[in-house]
């Protein structure tokens, strides 16, 4: 006969306590005294008890975990070290440490057919989502499922979900206003991925600022940079060949702004004397470029912390606002 697997019930019987009391002691709950925790842990070790996390999750339909699911990780950018995702992770980790939870990270490949099936296969019962496109039908399926989710940068309150967002349109218009106040009159925009909602919102802000100052905008002045430095560099050069009198660029990300600045220099133009540039995100390298990049600073750490707080509140069924809007800051530097 095989060796008997020691269960939580076995430990509880030996300790003369209920299964719930033993479980709370082994999971470090604050309402259990330190001496009891030590006694139960020593007894469990002596008996050879090994916690079955998967069984615990199935039994309770929850776990002391917060999952972060990332889609579309950048892998072709030499500035990837400064990815905002790292700061988001730090923010989530700060909150999970505070509440004695574990952070589990998953990455999703582009060709996955069903996020719900993936979540079920991995045992993900709730999650923070980052990098998803708002019109992804598989995301819609996930948000309509019973699985609670908090989206970063995608507004949603459908079902049992929430979101952490910034007012992209407002801060984009502030960025373009900065160029206009510097005397720039012919301003182009380099936008990100076509189906990314932040790209659409920042493009709206660009148009709002131009309309406010009665500056005409040309559809050819809105360039698809796909959030890539090299693509932004090439489209900057192409538009300057066709319209050499362009004197300003608003870029929907700092990565693209870096490429834009490279393209401007390759066309023999100077920054900011000939052309001003403003980015969005305030990645750490922005401050140290030559010239330093004016940009809209987001607090990615705060996004992560707020997202972890919100998903925890949703899991606990707390009555809390499901849309959290964080503030940004316009950083005025030498590129304008």
C-alpha atoms as a PDB file:
ATOM      1  CA  UNK A   1       0.000   0.000   0.000  1.00  0.00           C
ATOM      2  CA  UNK A   2       1.170   3.527  -0.730  1.00  0.00           C
ATOM      3  CA  UNK A   3       2.163   5.954   1.973  1.00  0.00           C
ATOM      4  CA  UNK A   4      -0.754   7.941   3.433  1.00  0.00           C
ATOM      5  CA  UNK A   5      -0.775  11.601   2.369  1.00  0.00           C
ATOM      6  CA  UNK A   6      -1.091  13.823   5.411  1.00  0.00           C
ATOM      7  CA  UNK A   7      -4.047  16.160   5.050  1.00  0.00           C
ATOM      8  CA  UNK A   8      -5.088  19.360   6.797  1.00  0.00           C
ATOM      9  CA  UNK A   9      -7.753  17.309   8.591  1.00  0.00           C
ATOM     10  CA  UNK A  10      -5.037  14.993   9.985  1.00  0.00           C
ATOM     11  CA  UNK A  11      -3.101  17.974  11.390  1.00  0.00           C
ATOM     12  CA  UNK A  12      -6.277  19.442  12.861  1.00  0.00           C
ATOM     13  CA  UNK A  13      -7.188  16.174  14.613  1.00  0.00           C
ATOM     14  CA  UNK A  14      -3.690  15.852  16.100  1.00  0.00           C
ATOM     15  CA  UNK A  15      -3.761  19.504  17.245  1.00  0.00           C
ATOM     16  CA  UNK A  16      -7.248  19.229  18.702  1.00  0.00           C
ATOM     17  CA  UNK A  17      -8.432  22.155  16.577  1.00  0.00           C
ATOM     18  CA  UNK A  18     -10.832  22.699  13.700  1.00  0.00           C
ATOM     19  CA  UNK A  19      -9.633  22.507  10.092  1.00  0.00           C
ATOM     20  CA  UNK A  20     -10.410  26.220   9.699  1.00  0.00           C
ATOM     21  CA  UNK A  21      -8.295  27.161  12.728  1.00  0.00           C
ATOM     22  CA  UNK A  22      -5.336  25.114  11.489  1.00  0.00           C
ATOM     23  CA  UNK A  23      -5.683  26.548   7.974  1.00  0.00           C
ATOM     24  CA  UNK A  24      -5.660  30.110   9.294  1.00  0.00           C
ATOM     25  CA  UNK A  25      -2.604  29.360  11.445  1.00  0.00           C
ATOM     26  CA  UNK A  26      -0.656  27.897   8.507  1.00  0.00           C
ATOM     27  CA  UNK A  27      -1.666  30.802   6.229  1.00  0.00           C
ATOM     28  CA  UNK A  28      -0.426  33.445   8.661  1.00  0.00           C
ATOM     29  CA  UNK A  29      -3.705  35.166   9.533  1.00  0.00           C
ATOM     30  CA  UNK A  30      -3.355  38.021  11.998  1.00  0.00           C
ATOM     31  CA  UNK A  31      -6.109  36.760  14.292  1.00  0.00           C
ATOM     32  CA  UNK A  32      -3.998  33.702  15.200  1.00  0.00           C
ATOM     33  CA  UNK A  33      -1.390  34.144  17.931  1.00  0.00           C
ATOM     34  CA  UNK A  34       2.297  33.779  17.091  1.00  0.00           C
ATOM     35  CA  UNK A  35       2.669  30.878  19.531  1.00  0.00           C
ATOM     36  CA  UNK A  36      -0.219  28.991  17.914  1.00  0.00           C
ATOM     37  CA  UNK A  37       1.204  29.564  14.441  1.00  0.00           C
ATOM     38  CA  UNK A  38       4.567  28.208  15.563  1.00  0.00           C
ATOM     39  CA  UNK A  39       2.999  25.175  17.274  1.00  0.00           C
ATOM     40  CA  UNK A  40       0.832  24.261  14.272  1.00  0.00           C
ATOM     41  CA  UNK A  41       3.665  24.755  11.795  1.00  0.00           C
ATOM     42  CA  UNK A  42       5.992  22.548  13.875  1.00  0.00           C
ATOM     43  CA  UNK A  43       3.299  19.874  14.111  1.00  0.00           C
ATOM     44  CA  UNK A  44       2.588  20.025  10.361  1.00  0.00           C
ATOM     45  CA  UNK A  45       6.301  19.707   9.580  1.00  0.00           C
ATOM     46  CA  UNK A  46       6.636  16.771  11.982  1.00  0.00           C
ATOM     47  CA  UNK A  47       3.701  14.979  10.334  1.00  0.00           C
ATOM     48  CA  UNK A  48       4.999  15.706   6.813  1.00  0.00           C
ATOM     49  CA  UNK A  49       2.050  17.867   5.778  1.00  0.00           C
ATOM     50  CA  UNK A  50       2.502  19.663   2.435  1.00  0.00           C
ATOM     51  CA  UNK A  51       0.050  22.423   1.548  1.00  0.00           C
ATOM     52  CA  UNK A  52      -1.892  21.654  -1.647  1.00  0.00           C
ATOM     53  CA  UNK A  53      -2.425  25.093  -3.126  1.00  0.00           C
ATOM     54  CA  UNK A  54      -4.453  23.794  -6.068  1.00  0.00           C
ATOM     55  CA  UNK A  55      -6.804  21.854  -3.788  1.00  0.00           C
ATOM     56  CA  UNK A  56      -7.155  24.889  -1.509  1.00  0.00           C
ATOM     57  CA  UNK A  57      -8.127  27.046  -4.448  1.00  0.00           C
ATOM     58  CA  UNK A  58     -10.717  24.540  -5.677  1.00  0.00           C
ATOM     59  CA  UNK A  59     -12.177  24.131  -2.199  1.00  0.00           C
ATOM     60  CA  UNK A  60     -12.479  27.812  -1.421  1.00  0.00           C
ATOM     61  CA  UNK A  61     -12.808  29.290  -4.931  1.00  0.00           C
ATOM     62  CA  UNK A  62     -10.149  31.788  -3.937  1.00  0.00           C
ATOM     63  CA  UNK A  63      -6.497  31.897  -2.938  1.00  0.00           C
ATOM     64  CA  UNK A  64      -4.011  34.204  -1.346  1.00  0.00           C
ATOM     65  CA  UNK A  65      -2.819  35.230  -4.792  1.00  0.00           C
ATOM     66  CA  UNK A  66      -3.232  38.153  -7.131  1.00  0.00           C
ATOM     67  CA  UNK A  67      -2.629  37.321 -10.786  1.00  0.00           C
ATOM     68  CA  UNK A  68      -1.202  39.766 -13.312  1.00  0.00           C
ATOM     69  CA  UNK A  69      -1.822  38.749 -16.925  1.00  0.00           C
ATOM     70  CA  UNK A  70       0.300  40.560 -19.515  1.00  0.00           C
ATOM     71  CA  UNK A  71      -0.360  40.554 -23.262  1.00  0.00           C
ATOM     72  CA  UNK A  72       1.916  41.917 -25.982  1.00  0.00           C
ATOM     73  CA  UNK A  73       5.207  42.223 -24.109  1.00  0.00           C
ATOM     74  CA  UNK A  74       7.604  44.454 -26.080  1.00  0.00           C
ATOM     75  CA  UNK A  75      10.654  42.590 -27.304  1.00  0.00           C
ATOM     76  CA  UNK A  76      12.199  44.753 -29.995  1.00  0.00           C
ATOM     77  CA  UNK A  77      13.131  47.941 -28.212  1.00  0.00           C
ATOM     78  CA  UNK A  78      16.553  48.709 -26.811  1.00  0.00           C
ATOM     79  CA  UNK A  79      14.880  50.854 -24.144  1.00  0.00           C
ATOM     80  CA  UNK A  80      12.798  47.906 -22.960  1.00  0.00           C
ATOM     81  CA  UNK A  81      14.679  47.934 -19.651  1.00  0.00           C
ATOM     82  CA  UNK A  82      12.558  50.926 -18.727  1.00  0.00           C
ATOM     83  CA  UNK A  83       9.232  49.320 -19.636  1.00  0.00           C
ATOM     84  CA  UNK A  84       6.351  50.688 -17.602  1.00  0.00           C
ATOM     85  CA  UNK A  85       5.296  47.097 -16.944  1.00  0.00           C
ATOM     86  CA  UNK A  86       8.148  46.738 -14.448  1.00  0.00           C
ATOM     87  CA  UNK A  87       6.870  49.700 -12.417  1.00  0.00           C
ATOM     88  CA  UNK A  88       3.338  48.289 -12.544  1.00  0.00           C
ATOM     89  CA  UNK A  89       4.666  44.998 -11.169  1.00  0.00           C
ATOM     90  CA  UNK A  90       6.468  46.844  -8.366  1.00  0.00           C
ATOM     91  CA  UNK A  91       3.229  48.588  -7.410  1.00  0.00           C
ATOM     92  CA  UNK A  92       1.274  45.314  -7.353  1.00  0.00           C
ATOM     93  CA  UNK A  93       4.021  43.615  -5.348  1.00  0.00           C
ATOM     94  CA  UNK A  94       3.965  46.423  -2.773  1.00  0.00           C
ATOM     95  CA  UNK A  95       0.252  45.846  -2.174  1.00  0.00           C
ATOM     96  CA  UNK A  96       0.413  42.032  -2.186  1.00  0.00           C
ATOM     97  CA  UNK A  97       3.233  42.152   0.379  1.00  0.00           C
ATOM     98  CA  UNK A  98       1.116  44.424   2.568  1.00  0.00           C
ATOM     99  CA  UNK A  99      -1.797  41.964   2.646  1.00  0.00           C
ATOM    100  CA  UNK A 100       0.378  38.811   2.723  1.00  0.00           C
ATOM    101  CA  UNK A 101      -0.643  37.663  -0.775  1.00  0.00           C
ATOM    102  CA  UNK A 102       1.523  36.222  -3.550  1.00  0.00           C
ATOM    103  CA  UNK A 103       1.856  37.853  -6.975  1.00  0.00           C
ATOM    104  CA  UNK A 104       1.655  35.428  -9.901  1.00  0.00           C
ATOM    105  CA  UNK A 105       2.521  36.659 -13.399  1.00  0.00           C
ATOM    106  CA  UNK A 106       1.256  35.142 -16.654  1.00  0.00           C
ATOM    107  CA  UNK A 107       2.025  36.214 -20.224  1.00  0.00           C
ATOM    108  CA  UNK A 108      -0.387  35.643 -23.087  1.00  0.00           C
ATOM    109  CA  UNK A 109       0.705  34.958 -26.660  1.00  0.00           C
ATOM    110  CA  UNK A 110      -0.834  36.884 -29.520  1.00  0.00           C
ATOM    111  CA  UNK A 111      -2.529  33.864 -31.172  1.00  0.00           C
ATOM    112  CA  UNK A 112      -4.446  32.571 -28.146  1.00  0.00           C
ATOM    113  CA  UNK A 113      -8.045  31.738 -29.016  1.00  0.00           C
ATOM    114  CA  UNK A 114      -9.806  31.983 -25.653  1.00  0.00           C
ATOM    115  CA  UNK A 115      -8.667  33.825 -22.539  1.00  0.00           C
ATOM    116  CA  UNK A 116     -11.478  32.216 -20.536  1.00  0.00           C
ATOM    117  CA  UNK A 117     -10.206  28.735 -21.441  1.00  0.00           C
ATOM    118  CA  UNK A 118      -6.664  29.805 -20.567  1.00  0.00           C
ATOM    119  CA  UNK A 119      -7.754  31.198 -17.200  1.00  0.00           C
ATOM    120  CA  UNK A 120      -9.684  28.025 -16.404  1.00  0.00           C
ATOM    121  CA  UNK A 121      -6.738  25.823 -17.394  1.00  0.00           C
ATOM    122  CA  UNK A 122      -4.361  27.826 -15.213  1.00  0.00           C
ATOM    123  CA  UNK A 123      -6.779  28.088 -12.305  1.00  0.00           C
ATOM    124  CA  UNK A 124      -6.853  31.900 -12.479  1.00  0.00           C
ATOM    125  CA  UNK A 125      -9.908  32.992 -10.494  1.00  0.00           C
ATOM    126  CA  UNK A 126      -9.311  36.766 -10.741  1.00  0.00           C
ATOM    127  CA  UNK A 127      -6.727  38.952 -12.492  1.00  0.00           C
ATOM    128  CA  UNK A 128      -5.218  42.312 -13.309  1.00  0.00           C
ATOM    129  CA  UNK A 129      -4.938  42.745 -17.093  1.00  0.00           C
ATOM    130  CA  UNK A 130      -2.392  44.874 -18.956  1.00  0.00           C
ATOM    131  CA  UNK A 131      -1.514  45.193 -22.651  1.00  0.00           C
ATOM    132  CA  UNK A 132      -4.888  44.071 -24.013  1.00  0.00           C
ATOM    133  CA  UNK A 133      -6.723  45.787 -26.876  1.00  0.00           C
ATOM    134  CA  UNK A 134     -10.164  47.090 -25.988  1.00  0.00           C
ATOM    135  CA  UNK A 135     -11.912  45.640 -29.083  1.00  0.00           C
ATOM    136  CA  UNK A 136     -10.406  42.158 -28.713  1.00  0.00           C
ATOM    137  CA  UNK A 137     -13.429  39.792 -28.873  1.00  0.00           C
ATOM    138  CA  UNK A 138     -11.705  37.332 -26.542  1.00  0.00           C
ATOM    139  CA  UNK A 139     -11.258  40.121 -23.995  1.00  0.00           C
ATOM    140  CA  UNK A 140     -14.987  40.872 -24.257  1.00  0.00           C
ATOM    141  CA  UNK A 141     -15.699  37.198 -23.608  1.00  0.00           C
ATOM    142  CA  UNK A 142     -13.445  37.286 -20.538  1.00  0.00           C
ATOM    143  CA  UNK A 143     -15.028  40.460 -19.156  1.00  0.00           C
ATOM    144  CA  UNK A 144     -18.491  38.932 -19.598  1.00  0.00           C
ATOM    145  CA  UNK A 145     -17.453  35.803 -17.702  1.00  0.00           C
ATOM    146  CA  UNK A 146     -17.788  35.381 -13.902  1.00  0.00           C
ATOM    147  CA  UNK A 147     -14.015  35.895 -13.492  1.00  0.00           C
ATOM    148  CA  UNK A 148     -13.345  39.277 -11.788  1.00  0.00           C
ATOM    149  CA  UNK A 149     -10.801  41.408 -13.666  1.00  0.00           C
ATOM    150  CA  UNK A 150      -9.247  44.841 -13.318  1.00  0.00           C
ATOM    151  CA  UNK A 151      -8.058  46.357 -16.607  1.00  0.00           C
ATOM    152  CA  UNK A 152      -5.184  48.816 -16.733  1.00  0.00           C
ATOM    153  CA  UNK A 153      -5.727  51.492 -19.431  1.00  0.00           C
ATOM    154  CA  UNK A 154      -9.017  50.027 -20.702  1.00  0.00           C
ATOM    155  CA  UNK A 155     -12.185  51.599 -19.276  1.00  0.00           C
ATOM    156  CA  UNK A 156     -14.702  48.957 -18.211  1.00  0.00           C
ATOM    157  CA  UNK A 157     -17.146  48.327 -15.403  1.00  0.00           C
ATOM    158  CA  UNK A 158     -18.978  45.466 -17.083  1.00  0.00           C
ATOM    159  CA  UNK A 159     -19.914  42.530 -14.882  1.00  0.00           C
ATOM    160  CA  UNK A 160     -17.649  42.016 -11.907  1.00  0.00           C
ATOM    161  CA  UNK A 161     -14.827  44.147 -13.281  1.00  0.00           C
ATOM    162  CA  UNK A 162     -13.057  47.462 -12.767  1.00  0.00           C
ATOM    163  CA  UNK A 163     -10.328  49.604 -14.320  1.00  0.00           C
ATOM    164  CA  UNK A 164      -7.393  51.904 -13.647  1.00  0.00           C
ATOM    165  CA  UNK A 165      -7.154  54.689 -16.222  1.00  0.00           C
ATOM    166  CA  UNK A 166      -5.831  58.183 -16.862  1.00  0.00           C
ATOM    167  CA  UNK A 167      -7.523  61.003 -18.791  1.00  0.00           C
ATOM    168  CA  UNK A 168      -5.482  60.477 -21.951  1.00  0.00           C
ATOM    169  CA  UNK A 169      -7.399  63.003 -24.053  1.00  0.00           C
ATOM    170  CA  UNK A 170      -6.933  65.797 -21.526  1.00  0.00           C
ATOM    171  CA  UNK A 171      -3.221  65.268 -20.991  1.00  0.00           C
ATOM    172  CA  UNK A 172      -2.591  64.801 -24.724  1.00  0.00           C
ATOM    173  CA  UNK A 173      -4.255  68.150 -25.374  1.00  0.00           C
ATOM    174  CA  UNK A 174      -2.026  69.680 -22.674  1.00  0.00           C
ATOM    175  CA  UNK A 175       1.030  68.264 -24.454  1.00  0.00           C
ATOM    176  CA  UNK A 176      -0.020  69.754 -27.795  1.00  0.00           C
ATOM    177  CA  UNK A 177      -0.835  73.056 -26.068  1.00  0.00           C
ATOM    178  CA  UNK A 178       2.790  73.137 -24.923  1.00  0.00           C
ATOM    179  CA  UNK A 179       3.949  73.011 -28.541  1.00  0.00           C
ATOM    180  CA  UNK A 180       1.448  75.681 -29.580  1.00  0.00           C
ATOM    181  CA  UNK A 181       2.508  78.019 -26.771  1.00  0.00           C
ATOM    182  CA  UNK A 182       6.099  77.587 -27.957  1.00  0.00           C
ATOM    183  CA  UNK A 183       5.050  79.045 -31.315  1.00  0.00           C
ATOM    184  CA  UNK A 184       4.703  75.790 -33.264  1.00  0.00           C
ATOM    185  CA  UNK A 185       2.002  76.049 -35.912  1.00  0.00           C
ATOM    186  CA  UNK A 186       2.269  72.907 -38.046  1.00  0.00           C
ATOM    187  CA  UNK A 187       2.125  69.962 -35.651  1.00  0.00           C
ATOM    188  CA  UNK A 188       2.101  66.292 -36.586  1.00  0.00           C
ATOM    189  CA  UNK A 189       1.249  63.350 -34.342  1.00  0.00           C
ATOM    190  CA  UNK A 190       2.769  59.888 -34.151  1.00  0.00           C
ATOM    191  CA  UNK A 191       0.150  57.558 -32.713  1.00  0.00           C
ATOM    192  CA  UNK A 192       0.456  53.984 -31.423  1.00  0.00           C
ATOM    193  CA  UNK A 193      -1.366  50.772 -32.282  1.00  0.00           C
ATOM    194  CA  UNK A 194      -4.561  51.242 -34.243  1.00  0.00           C
ATOM    195  CA  UNK A 195      -6.724  49.255 -31.817  1.00  0.00           C
ATOM    196  CA  UNK A 196      -5.181  50.558 -28.602  1.00  0.00           C
ATOM    197  CA  UNK A 197      -7.668  52.769 -26.784  1.00  0.00           C
ATOM    198  CA  UNK A 198      -4.882  54.969 -25.383  1.00  0.00           C
ATOM    199  CA  UNK A 199      -3.856  55.765 -28.975  1.00  0.00           C
ATOM    200  CA  UNK A 200      -7.387  56.804 -29.859  1.00  0.00           C
ATOM    201  CA  UNK A 201      -7.810  58.919 -26.742  1.00  0.00           C
ATOM    202  CA  UNK A 202      -4.468  60.685 -27.209  1.00  0.00           C
ATOM    203  CA  UNK A 203      -5.309  61.345 -30.857  1.00  0.00           C
ATOM    204  CA  UNK A 204      -8.588  62.913 -29.713  1.00  0.00           C
ATOM    205  CA  UNK A 205      -6.630  65.178 -27.358  1.00  0.00           C
ATOM    206  CA  UNK A 206      -4.339  66.218 -30.226  1.00  0.00           C
ATOM    207  CA  UNK A 207      -7.328  67.244 -32.340  1.00  0.00           C
ATOM    208  CA  UNK A 208      -9.005  69.061 -29.429  1.00  0.00           C
ATOM    209  CA  UNK A 209      -5.932  71.236 -28.838  1.00  0.00           C
ATOM    210  CA  UNK A 210      -5.591  72.142 -32.517  1.00  0.00           C
ATOM    211  CA  UNK A 211      -9.290  72.962 -32.822  1.00  0.00           C
ATOM    212  CA  UNK A 212      -9.131  75.128 -29.700  1.00  0.00           C
ATOM    213  CA  UNK A 213      -6.484  77.288 -31.361  1.00  0.00           C
ATOM    214  CA  UNK A 214      -8.156  77.113 -34.792  1.00  0.00           C
ATOM    215  CA  UNK A 215      -5.219  75.245 -36.277  1.00  0.00           C
ATOM    216  CA  UNK A 216      -6.142  73.010 -39.203  1.00  0.00           C
ATOM    217  CA  UNK A 217      -5.004  69.416 -39.044  1.00  0.00           C
ATOM    218  CA  UNK A 218      -4.243  67.211 -41.999  1.00  0.00           C
ATOM    219  CA  UNK A 219      -5.041  63.496 -41.903  1.00  0.00           C
ATOM    220  CA  UNK A 220      -1.580  62.921 -43.368  1.00  0.00           C
ATOM    221  CA  UNK A 221      -0.120  64.493 -40.230  1.00  0.00           C
ATOM    222  CA  UNK A 222      -1.352  61.583 -38.068  1.00  0.00           C
ATOM    223  CA  UNK A 223       1.255  58.869 -38.460  1.00  0.00           C
ATOM    224  CA  UNK A 224       1.055  55.228 -37.347  1.00  0.00           C
ATOM    225  CA  UNK A 225       4.071  54.548 -35.160  1.00  0.00           C
ATOM    226  CA  UNK A 226       2.778  51.290 -33.605  1.00  0.00           C
ATOM    227  CA  UNK A 227       4.551  52.176 -30.322  1.00  0.00           C
ATOM    228  CA  UNK A 228       7.879  51.298 -32.008  1.00  0.00           C
ATOM    229  CA  UNK A 229      10.976  53.512 -32.036  1.00  0.00           C
ATOM    230  CA  UNK A 230      12.171  52.435 -35.493  1.00  0.00           C
ATOM    231  CA  UNK A 231       8.740  52.849 -37.109  1.00  0.00           C
ATOM    232  CA  UNK A 232       8.463  56.327 -35.589  1.00  0.00           C
ATOM    233  CA  UNK A 233      11.925  57.270 -36.882  1.00  0.00           C
ATOM    234  CA  UNK A 234      11.071  56.239 -40.443  1.00  0.00           C
ATOM    235  CA  UNK A 235       7.639  57.879 -40.571  1.00  0.00           C
ATOM    236  CA  UNK A 236       9.147  61.106 -39.171  1.00  0.00           C
ATOM    237  CA  UNK A 237      11.644  61.224 -42.015  1.00  0.00           C
ATOM    238  CA  UNK A 238       8.965  60.468 -44.608  1.00  0.00           C
ATOM    239  CA  UNK A 239       6.581  63.201 -43.441  1.00  0.00           C
ATOM    240  CA  UNK A 240       9.397  65.770 -43.229  1.00  0.00           C
ATOM    241  CA  UNK A 241      10.378  64.991 -46.817  1.00  0.00           C
ATOM    242  CA  UNK A 242       6.823  65.724 -47.918  1.00  0.00           C
ATOM    243  CA  UNK A 243       6.127  68.594 -45.484  1.00  0.00           C
ATOM    244  CA  UNK A 244       9.475  70.175 -44.512  1.00  0.00           C
ATOM    245  CA  UNK A 245       7.685  73.043 -42.740  1.00  0.00           C
ATOM    246  CA  UNK A 246       6.327  70.821 -39.947  1.00  0.00           C
ATOM    247  CA  UNK A 247       7.616  72.383 -36.718  1.00  0.00           C
ATOM    248  CA  UNK A 248       6.185  70.141 -34.005  1.00  0.00           C
ATOM    249  CA  UNK A 249       5.543  66.490 -33.167  1.00  0.00           C
ATOM    250  CA  UNK A 250       3.339  65.049 -30.452  1.00  0.00           C
ATOM    251  CA  UNK A 251       4.137  61.363 -29.892  1.00  0.00           C
ATOM    252  CA  UNK A 252       1.766  58.987 -28.086  1.00  0.00           C
ATOM    253  CA  UNK A 253       4.694  57.342 -26.282  1.00  0.00           C
ATOM    254  CA  UNK A 254       8.248  58.245 -25.303  1.00  0.00           C
ATOM    255  CA  UNK A 255       9.619  55.250 -27.234  1.00  0.00           C
ATOM    256  CA  UNK A 256       8.185  56.751 -30.416  1.00  0.00           C
ATOM    257  CA  UNK A 257       9.357  60.227 -29.401  1.00  0.00           C
ATOM    258  CA  UNK A 258      12.921  58.891 -29.207  1.00  0.00           C
ATOM    259  CA  UNK A 259      12.595  57.538 -32.745  1.00  0.00           C
ATOM    260  CA  UNK A 260      11.030  60.811 -33.868  1.00  0.00           C
ATOM    261  CA  UNK A 261      13.973  62.797 -32.480  1.00  0.00           C
ATOM    262  CA  UNK A 262      16.405  60.502 -34.305  1.00  0.00           C
ATOM    263  CA  UNK A 263      14.499  61.019 -37.552  1.00  0.00           C
ATOM    264  CA  UNK A 264      14.478  64.802 -37.127  1.00  0.00           C
ATOM    265  CA  UNK A 265      18.254  64.866 -36.690  1.00  0.00           C
ATOM    266  CA  UNK A 266      18.767  62.606 -39.703  1.00  0.00           C
ATOM    267  CA  UNK A 267      16.807  65.150 -41.756  1.00  0.00           C
ATOM    268  CA  UNK A 268      19.267  67.867 -40.698  1.00  0.00           C
ATOM    269  CA  UNK A 269      16.824  69.614 -38.344  1.00  0.00           C
ATOM    270  CA  UNK A 270      17.501  70.756 -34.783  1.00  0.00           C
ATOM    271  CA  UNK A 271      15.387  70.267 -31.637  1.00  0.00           C
ATOM    272  CA  UNK A 272      13.687  72.439 -30.420  1.00  0.00           C
ATOM    273  CA  UNK A 273      14.830  75.347 -32.643  1.00  0.00           C
ATOM    274  CA  UNK A 274      13.387  73.882 -35.861  1.00  0.00           C
ATOM    275  CA  UNK A 275      11.018  71.275 -34.471  1.00  0.00           C
ATOM    276  CA  UNK A 276       9.602  70.742 -30.986  1.00  0.00           C
ATOM    277  CA  UNK A 277       8.815  67.258 -29.655  1.00  0.00           C
ATOM    278  CA  UNK A 278       6.590  66.105 -26.791  1.00  0.00           C
ATOM    279  CA  UNK A 279       6.108  62.483 -25.705  1.00  0.00           C
ATOM    280  CA  UNK A 280       3.894  60.575 -23.295  1.00  0.00           C
ATOM    281  CA  UNK A 281       4.781  58.258 -20.348  1.00  0.00           C
ATOM    282  CA  UNK A 282       8.006  59.783 -18.926  1.00  0.00           C
ATOM    283  CA  UNK A 283      10.139  56.639 -19.127  1.00  0.00           C
ATOM    284  CA  UNK A 284      13.347  57.162 -17.090  1.00  0.00           C
ATOM    285  CA  UNK A 285      15.607  57.726 -20.105  1.00  0.00           C
ATOM    286  CA  UNK A 286      13.478  60.699 -21.256  1.00  0.00           C
ATOM    287  CA  UNK A 287      15.087  63.025 -18.760  1.00  0.00           C
ATOM    288  CA  UNK A 288      18.592  62.172 -19.974  1.00  0.00           C
ATOM    289  CA  UNK A 289      18.132  62.511 -23.740  1.00  0.00           C
ATOM    290  CA  UNK A 290      19.840  65.368 -25.575  1.00  0.00           C
ATOM    291  CA  UNK A 291      17.806  67.494 -25.470  1.00  0.00           C
ATOM    292  CA  UNK A 292      15.756  66.170 -22.557  1.00  0.00           C
ATOM    293  CA  UNK A 293      12.249  65.157 -23.626  1.00  0.00           C
ATOM    294  CA  UNK A 294       9.141  67.078 -22.600  1.00  0.00           C
ATOM    295  CA  UNK A 295       6.477  64.499 -21.824  1.00  0.00           C
ATOM    296  CA  UNK A 296       3.389  63.541 -19.839  1.00  0.00           C
ATOM    297  CA  UNK A 297       4.437  61.599 -16.739  1.00  0.00           C
ATOM    298  CA  UNK A 298       2.316  58.640 -15.681  1.00  0.00           C
ATOM    299  CA  UNK A 299       2.863  56.940 -12.340  1.00  0.00           C
ATOM    300  CA  UNK A 300       2.997  53.285 -13.394  1.00  0.00           C
ATOM    301  CA  UNK A 301       3.838  52.176  -9.855  1.00  0.00           C
ATOM    302  CA  UNK A 302       0.641  53.839  -8.637  1.00  0.00           C
ATOM    303  CA  UNK A 303      -1.302  52.095 -11.420  1.00  0.00           C
ATOM    304  CA  UNK A 304      -0.087  48.730 -10.173  1.00  0.00           C
ATOM    305  CA  UNK A 305      -0.814  49.514  -6.531  1.00  0.00           C
ATOM    306  CA  UNK A 306      -4.297  50.844  -7.340  1.00  0.00           C
ATOM    307  CA  UNK A 307      -5.079  47.838  -9.556  1.00  0.00           C
ATOM    308  CA  UNK A 308      -4.063  45.375  -6.839  1.00  0.00           C
ATOM    309  CA  UNK A 309      -6.114  47.274  -4.269  1.00  0.00           C
ATOM    310  CA  UNK A 310      -9.177  47.274  -6.521  1.00  0.00           C
ATOM    311  CA  UNK A 311      -9.047  43.576  -7.495  1.00  0.00           C
ATOM    312  CA  UNK A 312      -8.670  42.683  -3.809  1.00  0.00           C
ATOM    313  CA  UNK A 313     -11.726  44.791  -2.953  1.00  0.00           C
ATOM    314  CA  UNK A 314     -13.728  43.176  -5.769  1.00  0.00           C
ATOM    315  CA  UNK A 315     -12.739  39.687  -4.605  1.00  0.00           C
ATOM    316  CA  UNK A 316     -13.864  40.619  -1.088  1.00  0.00           C
ATOM    317  CA  UNK A 317     -17.146  41.928  -2.561  1.00  0.00           C
ATOM    318  CA  UNK A 318     -16.591  45.381  -1.101  1.00  0.00           C
ATOM    319  CA  UNK A 319     -18.769  48.261  -2.280  1.00  0.00           C
ATOM    320  CA  UNK A 320     -16.093  50.390  -3.938  1.00  0.00           C
ATOM    321  CA  UNK A 321     -15.824  52.586  -7.078  1.00  0.00           C
ATOM    322  CA  UNK A 322     -14.915  50.428 -10.076  1.00  0.00           C
ATOM    323  CA  UNK A 323     -13.291  53.210 -12.133  1.00  0.00           C
ATOM    324  CA  UNK A 324     -10.101  54.686 -10.666  1.00  0.00           C
ATOM    325  CA  UNK A 325      -8.728  57.682 -12.593  1.00  0.00           C
ATOM    326  CA  UNK A 326      -5.148  58.645 -11.771  1.00  0.00           C
ATOM    327  CA  UNK A 327      -3.540  62.024 -12.356  1.00  0.00           C
ATOM    328  CA  UNK A 328      -0.598  62.687 -14.687  1.00  0.00           C
ATOM    329  CA  UNK A 329       1.908  65.546 -14.841  1.00  0.00           C
ATOM    330  CA  UNK A 330       3.205  67.528 -17.809  1.00  0.00           C
ATOM    331  CA  UNK A 331       7.024  67.589 -17.587  1.00  0.00           C
ATOM    332  CA  UNK A 332       8.421  70.593 -19.449  1.00  0.00           C
ATOM    333  CA  UNK A 333      12.002  69.996 -20.564  1.00  0.00           C
ATOM    334  CA  UNK A 334      14.339  71.072 -23.369  1.00  0.00           C
ATOM    335  CA  UNK A 335      12.685  69.469 -26.427  1.00  0.00           C
ATOM    336  CA  UNK A 336      10.160  72.336 -26.716  1.00  0.00           C
END
